[in-house]
Amino acid sequence: MLLRERETAEGRLVSVCDPDCLGETYDNGRATLTVSEEFYGGDDAVEATAEEVVAGLQRAQVANIVGTEAVGVAVEAGLVDEETVLEFDGTRHAQLLWL
């Protein structure tokens, strides 16, 4: 999985995606989701294990997660509720917000 962490005015923003999702655009009939290199990749994105992804998500104030594996890791860790996961053309998307 690709993990990217950066500081913003609102706190730490974390993006995680399955590598095969990068550069793809998905549609679910109501919305489209583009997994851009600019947001999910870049020089500061790293290949991460499930444990590293969980640690990154635990540090996040806001997170965007795309892909069957990445979302599955977040759900399994109890960080994302399965009922809030969206389906897009056979892949999955979740957002995480800590208040």
PDB file of N, CA and C in Angstrom:
ATOM      1  N   MET A   1       0.842  -1.171   0.000  1.00  0.00           N
ATOM      2  CA  MET A   1       0.000   0.000   0.000  1.00  0.00           C
ATOM      3  C   MET A   1       0.888   1.235   0.000  1.00  0.00           C
ATOM      4  N   LEU A   2       0.370   2.307  -0.563  1.00  0.00           N
ATOM      5  CA  LEU A   2       1.086   3.577  -0.553  1.00  0.00           C
ATOM      6  C   LEU A   2       0.535   4.439   0.571  1.00  0.00           C
ATOM      7  N   LEU A   3       1.433   4.963   1.379  1.00  0.00           N
ATOM      8  CA  LEU A   3       1.077   5.786   2.536  1.00  0.00           C
ATOM      9  C   LEU A   3       1.744   7.146   2.377  1.00  0.00           C
ATOM     10  N   ARG A   4       0.944   8.184   2.521  1.00  0.00           N
ATOM     11  CA  ARG A   4       1.483   9.546   2.460  1.00  0.00           C
ATOM     12  C   ARG A   4       0.932  10.335   3.636  1.00  0.00           C
ATOM     13  N   GLU A   5       1.821  11.003   4.363  1.00  0.00           N
ATOM     14  CA  GLU A   5       1.431  11.818   5.510  1.00  0.00           C
ATOM     15  C   GLU A   5       1.977  13.224   5.319  1.00  0.00           C
ATOM     16  N   ARG A   6       1.137  14.217   5.622  1.00  0.00           N
ATOM     17  CA  ARG A   6       1.601  15.603   5.544  1.00  0.00           C
ATOM     18  C   ARG A   6       0.813  16.464   6.511  1.00  0.00           C
ATOM     19  N   GLU A   7       1.480  17.517   6.952  1.00  0.00           N
ATOM     20  CA  GLU A   7       0.846  18.453   7.883  1.00  0.00           C
ATOM     21  C   GLU A   7       0.098  19.519   7.094  1.00  0.00           C
ATOM     22  N   THR A   8      -1.104  19.840   7.554  1.00  0.00           N
ATOM     23  CA  THR A   8      -1.903  20.906   6.956  1.00  0.00           C
ATOM     24  C   THR A   8      -2.339  21.839   8.082  1.00  0.00           C
ATOM     25  N   ALA A   9      -3.001  22.920   7.726  1.00  0.00           N
ATOM     26  CA  ALA A   9      -3.502  23.852   8.738  1.00  0.00           C
ATOM     27  C   ALA A   9      -4.510  23.174   9.661  1.00  0.00           C
ATOM     28  N   GLU A  10      -5.191  22.136   9.167  1.00  0.00           N
ATOM     29  CA  GLU A  10      -6.192  21.422   9.961  1.00  0.00           C
ATOM     30  C   GLU A  10      -5.614  20.240  10.729  1.00  0.00           C
ATOM     31  N   GLY A  11      -4.325  19.957  10.560  1.00  0.00           N
ATOM     32  CA  GLY A  11      -3.694  18.825  11.236  1.00  0.00           C
ATOM     33  C   GLY A  11      -3.103  17.859  10.229  1.00  0.00           C
ATOM     34  N   ARG A  12      -2.762  16.676  10.697  1.00  0.00           N
ATOM     35  CA  ARG A  12      -2.101  15.691   9.841  1.00  0.00           C
ATOM     36  C   ARG A  12      -3.101  15.039   8.890  1.00  0.00           C
ATOM     37  N   LEU A  13      -2.791  15.113   7.594  1.00  0.00           N
ATOM     38  CA  LEU A  13      -3.581  14.498   6.537  1.00  0.00           C
ATOM     39  C   LEU A  13      -2.850  13.249   6.070  1.00  0.00           C
ATOM     40  N   VAL A  14      -3.545  12.128   6.082  1.00  0.00           N
ATOM     41  CA  VAL A  14      -2.966  10.856   5.660  1.00  0.00           C
ATOM     42  C   VAL A  14      -3.767  10.334   4.473  1.00  0.00           C
ATOM     43  N   SER A  15      -3.069   9.891   3.449  1.00  0.00           N
ATOM     44  CA  SER A  15      -3.725   9.239   2.315  1.00  0.00           C
ATOM     45  C   SER A  15      -3.088   7.869   2.125  1.00  0.00           C
ATOM     46  N   VAL A  16      -3.948   6.890   1.893  1.00  0.00           N
ATOM     47  CA  VAL A  16      -3.503   5.510   1.708  1.00  0.00           C
ATOM     48  C   VAL A  16      -4.234   4.944   0.501  1.00  0.00           C
ATOM     49  N   CYS A  17      -3.508   4.235  -0.353  1.00  0.00           N
ATOM     50  CA  CYS A  17      -4.179   3.555  -1.461  1.00  0.00           C
ATOM     51  C   CYS A  17      -3.440   2.278  -1.827  1.00  0.00           C
ATOM     52  N   ASP A  18      -4.188   1.363  -2.425  1.00  0.00           N
ATOM     53  CA  ASP A  18      -3.570   0.196  -3.033  1.00  0.00           C
ATOM     54  C   ASP A  18      -2.796   0.698  -4.251  1.00  0.00           C
ATOM     55  N   PRO A  19      -1.592   0.191  -4.496  1.00  0.00           N
ATOM     56  CA  PRO A  19      -0.782   0.697  -5.612  1.00  0.00           C
ATOM     57  C   PRO A  19      -1.477   0.618  -6.968  1.00  0.00           C
ATOM     58  N   ASP A  20      -2.285  -0.416  -7.194  1.00  0.00           N
ATOM     59  CA  ASP A  20      -2.938  -0.557  -8.489  1.00  0.00           C
ATOM     60  C   ASP A  20      -4.066   0.454  -8.698  1.00  0.00           C
ATOM     61  N   CYS A  21      -4.450   1.177  -7.663  1.00  0.00           N
ATOM     62  CA  CYS A  21      -5.486   2.214  -7.782  1.00  0.00           C
ATOM     63  C   CYS A  21      -4.916   3.546  -8.246  1.00  0.00           C
ATOM     64  N   LEU A  22      -3.622   3.752  -8.052  1.00  0.00           N
ATOM     65  CA  LEU A  22      -3.003   5.038  -8.363  1.00  0.00           C
ATOM     66  C   LEU A  22      -3.186   5.375  -9.845  1.00  0.00           C
ATOM     67  N   GLY A  23      -3.691   6.568 -10.105  1.00  0.00           N
ATOM     68  CA  GLY A  23      -3.916   7.022 -11.470  1.00  0.00           C
ATOM     69  C   GLY A  23      -5.264   6.628 -12.051  1.00  0.00           C
ATOM     70  N   GLU A  24      -6.049   5.881 -11.306  1.00  0.00           N
ATOM     71  CA  GLU A  24      -7.358   5.421 -11.784  1.00  0.00           C
ATOM     72  C   GLU A  24      -8.472   6.382 -11.377  1.00  0.00           C
ATOM     73  N   THR A  25      -9.550   6.360 -12.133  1.00  0.00           N
ATOM     74  CA  THR A  25     -10.767   7.091 -11.791  1.00  0.00           C
ATOM     75  C   THR A  25     -11.898   6.082 -11.702  1.00  0.00           C
ATOM     76  N   TYR A  26     -12.655   6.159 -10.626  1.00  0.00           N
ATOM     77  CA  TYR A  26     -13.753   5.231 -10.362  1.00  0.00           C
ATOM     78  C   TYR A  26     -15.064   6.003 -10.294  1.00  0.00           C
ATOM     79  N   ASP A  27     -16.161   5.317 -10.617  1.00  0.00           N
ATOM     80  CA  ASP A  27     -17.487   5.928 -10.625  1.00  0.00           C
ATOM     81  C   ASP A  27     -18.460   4.962  -9.958  1.00  0.00           C
ATOM     82  N   ASN A  28     -19.376   5.498  -9.165  1.00  0.00           N
ATOM     83  CA  ASN A  28     -20.403   4.635  -8.570  1.00  0.00           C
ATOM     84  C   ASN A  28     -21.814   5.066  -8.970  1.00  0.00           C
ATOM     85  N   GLY A  29     -21.917   5.896 -10.001  1.00  0.00           N
ATOM     86  CA  GLY A  29     -23.213   6.357 -10.458  1.00  0.00           C
ATOM     87  C   GLY A  29     -23.673   7.646  -9.802  1.00  0.00           C
ATOM     88  N   ARG A  30     -23.119   7.963  -8.651  1.00  0.00           N
ATOM     89  CA  ARG A  30     -23.466   9.202  -7.948  1.00  0.00           C
ATOM     90  C   ARG A  30     -22.281  10.145  -7.852  1.00  0.00           C
ATOM     91  N   ALA A  31     -21.092   9.582  -7.870  1.00  0.00           N
ATOM     92  CA  ALA A  31     -19.876  10.389  -7.715  1.00  0.00           C
ATOM     93  C   ALA A  31     -18.716   9.676  -8.399  1.00  0.00           C
ATOM     94  N   THR A  32     -17.671  10.442  -8.701  1.00  0.00           N
ATOM     95  CA  THR A  32     -16.441   9.854  -9.220  1.00  0.00           C
ATOM     96  C   THR A  32     -15.332  10.060  -8.202  1.00  0.00           C
ATOM     97  N   LEU A  33     -14.367   9.180  -8.248  1.00  0.00           N
ATOM     98  CA  LEU A  33     -13.221   9.224  -7.345  1.00  0.00           C
ATOM     99  C   LEU A  33     -11.967   9.058  -8.187  1.00  0.00           C
ATOM    100  N   THR A  34     -11.104  10.060  -8.186  1.00  0.00           N
ATOM    101  CA  THR A  34      -9.841   9.993  -8.910  1.00  0.00           C
ATOM    102  C   THR A  34      -8.712   9.823  -7.901  1.00  0.00           C
ATOM    103  N   VAL A  35      -7.941   8.771  -8.090  1.00  0.00           N
ATOM    104  CA  VAL A  35      -6.818   8.475  -7.199  1.00  0.00           C
ATOM    105  C   VAL A  35      -5.569   9.052  -7.854  1.00  0.00           C
ATOM    106  N   SER A  36      -5.339  10.332  -7.602  1.00  0.00           N
ATOM    107  CA  SER A  36      -4.281  11.057  -8.306  1.00  0.00           C
ATOM    108  C   SER A  36      -2.913  10.848  -7.657  1.00  0.00           C
ATOM    109  N   GLU A  37      -1.901  10.879  -8.515  1.00  0.00           N
ATOM    110  CA  GLU A  37      -0.507  10.831  -8.063  1.00  0.00           C
ATOM    111  C   GLU A  37      -0.234  12.016  -7.149  1.00  0.00           C
ATOM    112  N   GLU A  38      -0.796  13.158  -7.480  1.00  0.00           N
ATOM    113  CA  GLU A  38      -0.579  14.377  -6.704  1.00  0.00           C
ATOM    114  C   GLU A  38      -1.035  14.225  -5.249  1.00  0.00           C
ATOM    115  N   PHE A  39      -2.154  13.535  -5.029  1.00  0.00           N
ATOM    116  CA  PHE A  39      -2.700  13.417  -3.677  1.00  0.00           C
ATOM    117  C   PHE A  39      -2.223  12.158  -2.954  1.00  0.00           C
ATOM    118  N   TYR A  40      -2.192  11.026  -3.643  1.00  0.00           N
ATOM    119  CA  TYR A  40      -1.870   9.751  -2.999  1.00  0.00           C
ATOM    120  C   TYR A  40      -0.419   9.322  -3.184  1.00  0.00           C
ATOM    121  N   GLY A  41       0.254   9.890  -4.175  1.00  0.00           N
ATOM    122  CA  GLY A  41       1.630   9.490  -4.455  1.00  0.00           C
ATOM    123  C   GLY A  41       2.603  10.592  -4.102  1.00  0.00           C
ATOM    124  N   GLY A  42       3.532  10.840  -4.993  1.00  0.00           N
ATOM    125  CA  GLY A  42       4.522  11.883  -4.763  1.00  0.00           C
ATOM    126  C   GLY A  42       5.764  11.351  -4.085  1.00  0.00           C
ATOM    127  N   ASP A  43       6.749  12.227  -3.974  1.00  0.00           N
ATOM    128  CA  ASP A  43       8.041  11.840  -3.417  1.00  0.00           C
ATOM    129  C   ASP A  43       7.968  11.414  -1.963  1.00  0.00           C
ATOM    130  N   ASP A  44       6.985  11.918  -1.222  1.00  0.00           N
ATOM    131  CA  ASP A  44       6.906  11.578   0.197  1.00  0.00           C
ATOM    132  C   ASP A  44       5.978  10.399   0.480  1.00  0.00           C
ATOM    133  N   ALA A  45       5.443   9.757  -0.554  1.00  0.00           N
ATOM    134  CA  ALA A  45       4.647   8.542  -0.361  1.00  0.00           C
ATOM    135  C   ALA A  45       5.594   7.354  -0.237  1.00  0.00           C
ATOM    136  N   VAL A  46       5.267   6.437   0.664  1.00  0.00           N
ATOM    137  CA  VAL A  46       6.108   5.263   0.884  1.00  0.00           C
ATOM    138  C   VAL A  46       5.270   3.994   0.758  1.00  0.00           C
ATOM    139  N   GLU A  47       5.913   2.910   0.344  1.00  0.00           N
ATOM    140  CA  GLU A  47       5.259   1.603   0.378  1.00  0.00           C
ATOM    141  C   GLU A  47       5.203   1.190   1.835  1.00  0.00           C
ATOM    142  N   ALA A  48       4.033   0.785   2.297  1.00  0.00           N
ATOM    143  CA  ALA A  48       3.850   0.530   3.724  1.00  0.00           C
ATOM    144  C   ALA A  48       3.184  -0.818   3.966  1.00  0.00           C
ATOM    145  N   THR A  49       3.553  -1.420   5.085  1.00  0.00           N
ATOM    146  CA  THR A  49       2.904  -2.649   5.540  1.00  0.00           C
ATOM    147  C   THR A  49       1.579  -2.296   6.201  1.00  0.00           C
ATOM    148  N   ALA A  50       0.795  -3.306   6.496  1.00  0.00           N
ATOM    149  CA  ALA A  50      -0.473  -3.079   7.197  1.00  0.00           C
ATOM    150  C   ALA A  50      -0.236  -2.388   8.530  1.00  0.00           C
ATOM    151  N   GLU A  51       0.791  -2.786   9.248  1.00  0.00           N
ATOM    152  CA  GLU A  51       1.088  -2.185  10.549  1.00  0.00           C
ATOM    153  C   GLU A  51       1.460  -0.713  10.406  1.00  0.00           C
ATOM    154  N   GLU A  52       2.235  -0.387   9.383  1.00  0.00           N
ATOM    155  CA  GLU A  52       2.620   1.006   9.147  1.00  0.00           C
ATOM    156  C   GLU A  52       1.416   1.852   8.732  1.00  0.00           C
ATOM    157  N   VAL A  53       0.515   1.264   7.957  1.00  0.00           N
ATOM    158  CA  VAL A  53      -0.706   1.979   7.568  1.00  0.00           C
ATOM    159  C   VAL A  53      -1.552   2.278   8.795  1.00  0.00           C
ATOM    160  N   VAL A  54      -1.740   1.288   9.657  1.00  0.00           N
ATOM    161  CA  VAL A  54      -2.526   1.495  10.884  1.00  0.00           C
ATOM    162  C   VAL A  54      -1.897   2.595  11.732  1.00  0.00           C
ATOM    163  N   ALA A  55      -0.585   2.564  11.897  1.00  0.00           N
ATOM    164  CA  ALA A  55       0.098   3.593  12.692  1.00  0.00           C
ATOM    165  C   ALA A  55      -0.102   4.975  12.071  1.00  0.00           C
ATOM    166  N   GLY A  56      -0.004   5.073  10.751  1.00  0.00           N
ATOM    167  CA  GLY A  56      -0.219   6.348  10.077  1.00  0.00           C
ATOM    168  C   GLY A  56      -1.640   6.851  10.259  1.00  0.00           C
ATOM    169  N   LEU A  57      -2.607   5.959  10.132  1.00  0.00           N
ATOM    170  CA  LEU A  57      -4.008   6.353  10.312  1.00  0.00           C
ATOM    171  C   LEU A  57      -4.283   6.787  11.744  1.00  0.00           C
ATOM    172  N   GLN A  58      -3.608   6.174  12.691  1.00  0.00           N
ATOM    173  CA  GLN A  58      -3.791   6.566  14.094  1.00  0.00           C
ATOM    174  C   GLN A  58      -3.224   7.953  14.372  1.00  0.00           C
ATOM    175  N   ARG A  59      -2.260   8.397  13.571  1.00  0.00           N
ATOM    176  CA  ARG A  59      -1.684   9.739  13.732  1.00  0.00           C
ATOM    177  C   ARG A  59      -2.497  10.815  13.012  1.00  0.00           C
ATOM    178  N   ALA A  60      -3.423  10.409  12.160  1.00  0.00           N
ATOM    179  CA  ALA A  60      -4.146  11.337  11.284  1.00  0.00           C
ATOM    180  C   ALA A  60      -5.250  12.090  12.009  1.00  0.00           C
ATOM    181  N   GLN A  61      -5.453  13.333  11.581  1.00  0.00           N
ATOM    182  CA  GLN A  61      -6.679  14.044  11.929  1.00  0.00           C
ATOM    183  C   GLN A  61      -7.718  13.778  10.837  1.00  0.00           C
ATOM    184  N   VAL A  62      -7.239  13.672   9.591  1.00  0.00           N
ATOM    185  CA  VAL A  62      -8.083  13.374   8.439  1.00  0.00           C
ATOM    186  C   VAL A  62      -7.348  12.353   7.581  1.00  0.00           C
ATOM    187  N   ALA A  63      -8.092  11.364   7.068  1.00  0.00           N
ATOM    188  CA  ALA A  63      -7.476  10.373   6.185  1.00  0.00           C
ATOM    189  C   ALA A  63      -8.429  10.007   5.057  1.00  0.00           C
ATOM    190  N   ASN A  64      -7.852   9.747   3.900  1.00  0.00           N
ATOM    191  CA  ASN A  64      -8.566   9.229   2.738  1.00  0.00           C
ATOM    192  C   ASN A  64      -7.927   7.898   2.383  1.00  0.00           C
ATOM    193  N   ILE A  65      -8.757   6.880   2.220  1.00  0.00           N
ATOM    194  CA  ILE A  65      -8.272   5.517   2.032  1.00  0.00           C
ATOM    195  C   ILE A  65      -8.976   4.925   0.813  1.00  0.00           C
ATOM    196  N   VAL A  66      -8.198   4.397  -0.140  1.00  0.00           N
ATOM    197  CA  VAL A  66      -8.769   3.833  -1.361  1.00  0.00           C
ATOM    198  C   VAL A  66      -8.151   2.473  -1.640  1.00  0.00           C
ATOM    199  N   GLY A  67      -9.002   1.532  -2.021  1.00  0.00           N
ATOM    200  CA  GLY A  67      -8.547   0.209  -2.425  1.00  0.00           C
ATOM    201  C   GLY A  67      -9.036  -0.862  -1.472  1.00  0.00           C
ATOM    202  N   THR A  68      -9.234  -2.035  -2.003  1.00  0.00           N
ATOM    203  CA  THR A  68      -9.763  -3.142  -1.213  1.00  0.00           C
ATOM    204  C   THR A  68      -8.846  -3.483  -0.048  1.00  0.00           C
ATOM    205  N   GLU A  69      -7.546  -3.583  -0.295  1.00  0.00           N
ATOM    206  CA  GLU A  69      -6.610  -3.927   0.777  1.00  0.00           C
ATOM    207  C   GLU A  69      -6.508  -2.809   1.809  1.00  0.00           C
ATOM    208  N   ALA A  70      -6.314  -1.575   1.355  1.00  0.00           N
ATOM    209  CA  ALA A  70      -6.125  -0.448   2.273  1.00  0.00           C
ATOM    210  C   ALA A  70      -7.346  -0.244   3.161  1.00  0.00           C
ATOM    211  N   VAL A  71      -8.535  -0.254   2.567  1.00  0.00           N
ATOM    212  CA  VAL A  71      -9.751  -0.084   3.363  1.00  0.00           C
ATOM    213  C   VAL A  71      -9.937  -1.276   4.294  1.00  0.00           C
ATOM    214  N   GLY A  72      -9.631  -2.469   3.821  1.00  0.00           N
ATOM    215  CA  GLY A  72      -9.734  -3.659   4.663  1.00  0.00           C
ATOM    216  C   GLY A  72      -8.857  -3.572   5.898  1.00  0.00           C
ATOM    217  N   VAL A  73      -7.652  -3.051   5.749  1.00  0.00           N
ATOM    218  CA  VAL A  73      -6.744  -2.872   6.888  1.00  0.00           C
ATOM    219  C   VAL A  73      -7.351  -1.905   7.899  1.00  0.00           C
ATOM    220  N   ALA A  74      -7.907  -0.794   7.418  1.00  0.00           N
ATOM    221  CA  ALA A  74      -8.510   0.202   8.311  1.00  0.00           C
ATOM    222  C   ALA A  74      -9.726  -0.365   9.039  1.00  0.00           C
ATOM    223  N   VAL A  75     -10.539  -1.139   8.342  1.00  0.00           N
ATOM    224  CA  VAL A  75     -11.721  -1.755   8.960  1.00  0.00           C
ATOM    225  C   VAL A  75     -11.292  -2.788   9.992  1.00  0.00           C
ATOM    226  N   GLU A  76     -10.348  -3.651   9.618  1.00  0.00           N
ATOM    227  CA  GLU A  76      -9.877  -4.703  10.524  1.00  0.00           C
ATOM    228  C   GLU A  76      -9.266  -4.126  11.797  1.00  0.00           C
ATOM    229  N   ALA A  77      -8.614  -2.974  11.682  1.00  0.00           N
ATOM    230  CA  ALA A  77      -7.993  -2.327  12.845  1.00  0.00           C
ATOM    231  C   ALA A  77      -9.021  -1.594  13.703  1.00  0.00           C
ATOM    232  N   GLY A  78     -10.267  -1.528  13.237  1.00  0.00           N
ATOM    233  CA  GLY A  78     -11.303  -0.839  13.998  1.00  0.00           C
ATOM    234  C   GLY A  78     -11.283   0.669  13.839  1.00  0.00           C
ATOM    235  N   LEU A  79     -10.579   1.163  12.823  1.00  0.00           N
ATOM    236  CA  LEU A  79     -10.480   2.604  12.596  1.00  0.00           C
ATOM    237  C   LEU A  79     -11.592   3.129  11.692  1.00  0.00           C
ATOM    238  N   VAL A  80     -12.163   2.251  10.891  1.00  0.00           N
ATOM    239  CA  VAL A  80     -13.245   2.606   9.975  1.00  0.00           C
ATOM    240  C   VAL A  80     -14.367   1.598  10.169  1.00  0.00           C
ATOM    241  N   ASP A  81     -15.591   2.083  10.241  1.00  0.00           N
ATOM    242  CA  ASP A  81     -16.767   1.232  10.352  1.00  0.00           C
ATOM    243  C   ASP A  81     -17.151   0.744   8.956  1.00  0.00           C
ATOM    244  N   GLU A  82     -17.293  -0.550   8.803  1.00  0.00           N
ATOM    245  CA  GLU A  82     -17.638  -1.153   7.511  1.00  0.00           C
ATOM    246  C   GLU A  82     -18.861  -0.487   6.871  1.00  0.00           C
ATOM    247  N   GLU A  83     -19.797  -0.057   7.678  1.00  0.00           N
ATOM    248  CA  GLU A  83     -21.035   0.546   7.170  1.00  0.00           C
ATOM    249  C   GLU A  83     -20.804   1.898   6.492  1.00  0.00           C
ATOM    250  N   THR A  84     -19.651   2.516   6.728  1.00  0.00           N
ATOM    251  CA  THR A  84     -19.364   3.824   6.131  1.00  0.00           C
ATOM    252  C   THR A  84     -18.524   3.723   4.860  1.00  0.00           C
ATOM    253  N   VAL A  85     -18.136   2.520   4.483  1.00  0.00           N
ATOM    254  CA  VAL A  85     -17.290   2.312   3.308  1.00  0.00           C
ATOM    255  C   VAL A  85     -18.134   2.445   2.037  1.00  0.00           C
ATOM    256  N   LEU A  86     -17.612   3.185   1.072  1.00  0.00           N
ATOM    257  CA  LEU A  86     -18.278   3.369  -0.218  1.00  0.00           C
ATOM    258  C   LEU A  86     -17.659   2.455  -1.265  1.00  0.00           C
ATOM    259  N   GLU A  87     -18.479   2.004  -2.203  1.00  0.00           N
ATOM    260  CA  GLU A  87     -18.021   1.180  -3.322  1.00  0.00           C
ATOM    261  C   GLU A  87     -17.955   2.036  -4.578  1.00  0.00           C
ATOM    262  N   PHE A  88     -16.848   1.930  -5.303  1.00  0.00           N
ATOM    263  CA  PHE A  88     -16.652   2.638  -6.568  1.00  0.00           C
ATOM    264  C   PHE A  88     -16.095   1.659  -7.587  1.00  0.00           C
ATOM    265  N   ASP A  89     -16.903   1.255  -8.549  1.00  0.00           N
ATOM    266  CA  ASP A  89     -16.417   0.388  -9.638  1.00  0.00           C
ATOM    267  C   ASP A  89     -15.587  -0.788  -9.142  1.00  0.00           C
ATOM    268  N   GLY A  90     -16.000  -1.433  -8.085  1.00  0.00           N
ATOM    269  CA  GLY A  90     -15.285  -2.601  -7.600  1.00  0.00           C
ATOM    270  C   GLY A  90     -14.152  -2.308  -6.642  1.00  0.00           C
ATOM    271  N   THR A  91     -13.867  -1.055  -6.376  1.00  0.00           N
ATOM    272  CA  THR A  91     -12.895  -0.746  -5.336  1.00  0.00           C
ATOM    273  C   THR A  91     -13.625  -0.066  -4.187  1.00  0.00           C
ATOM    274  N   ARG A  92     -12.916   0.139  -3.104  1.00  0.00           N
ATOM    275  CA  ARG A  92     -13.545   0.681  -1.903  1.00  0.00           C
ATOM    276  C   ARG A  92     -12.886   1.994  -1.501  1.00  0.00           C
ATOM    277  N   HIS A  93     -13.669   2.871  -0.847  1.00  0.00           N
ATOM    278  CA  HIS A  93     -13.166   4.158  -0.389  1.00  0.00           C
ATOM    279  C   HIS A  93     -13.729   4.450   0.991  1.00  0.00           C
ATOM    280  N   ALA A  94     -12.879   4.986   1.852  1.00  0.00           N
ATOM    281  CA  ALA A  94     -13.323   5.398   3.186  1.00  0.00           C
ATOM    282  C   ALA A  94     -12.597   6.677   3.567  1.00  0.00           C
ATOM    283  N   GLN A  95     -13.252   7.442   4.413  1.00  0.00           N
ATOM    284  CA  GLN A  95     -12.635   8.634   4.983  1.00  0.00           C
ATOM    285  C   GLN A  95     -12.653   8.496   6.492  1.00  0.00           C
ATOM    286  N   LEU A  96     -11.662   9.100   7.106  1.00  0.00           N
ATOM    287  CA  LEU A  96     -11.505   9.048   8.554  1.00  0.00           C
ATOM    288  C   LEU A  96     -11.322  10.473   9.051  1.00  0.00           C
ATOM    289  N   LEU A  97     -12.034  10.832  10.086  1.00  0.00           N
ATOM    290  CA  LEU A  97     -11.925  12.167  10.665  1.00  0.00           C
ATOM    291  C   LEU A  97     -11.943  12.041  12.175  1.00  0.00           C
ATOM    292  N   TRP A  98     -10.879  12.489  12.807  1.00  0.00           N
ATOM    293  CA  TRP A  98     -10.810  12.510  14.272  1.00  0.00           C
ATOM    294  C   TRP A  98     -11.083  13.930  14.725  1.00  0.00           C
ATOM    295  N   LEU A  99     -12.042  14.098  15.593  1.00  0.00           N
ATOM    296  CA  LEU A  99     -12.371  15.430  16.110  1.00  0.00           C
ATOM    297  C   LEU A  99     -11.737  15.648  17.463  1.00  0.00           C
TER     298      LEU A  99
END
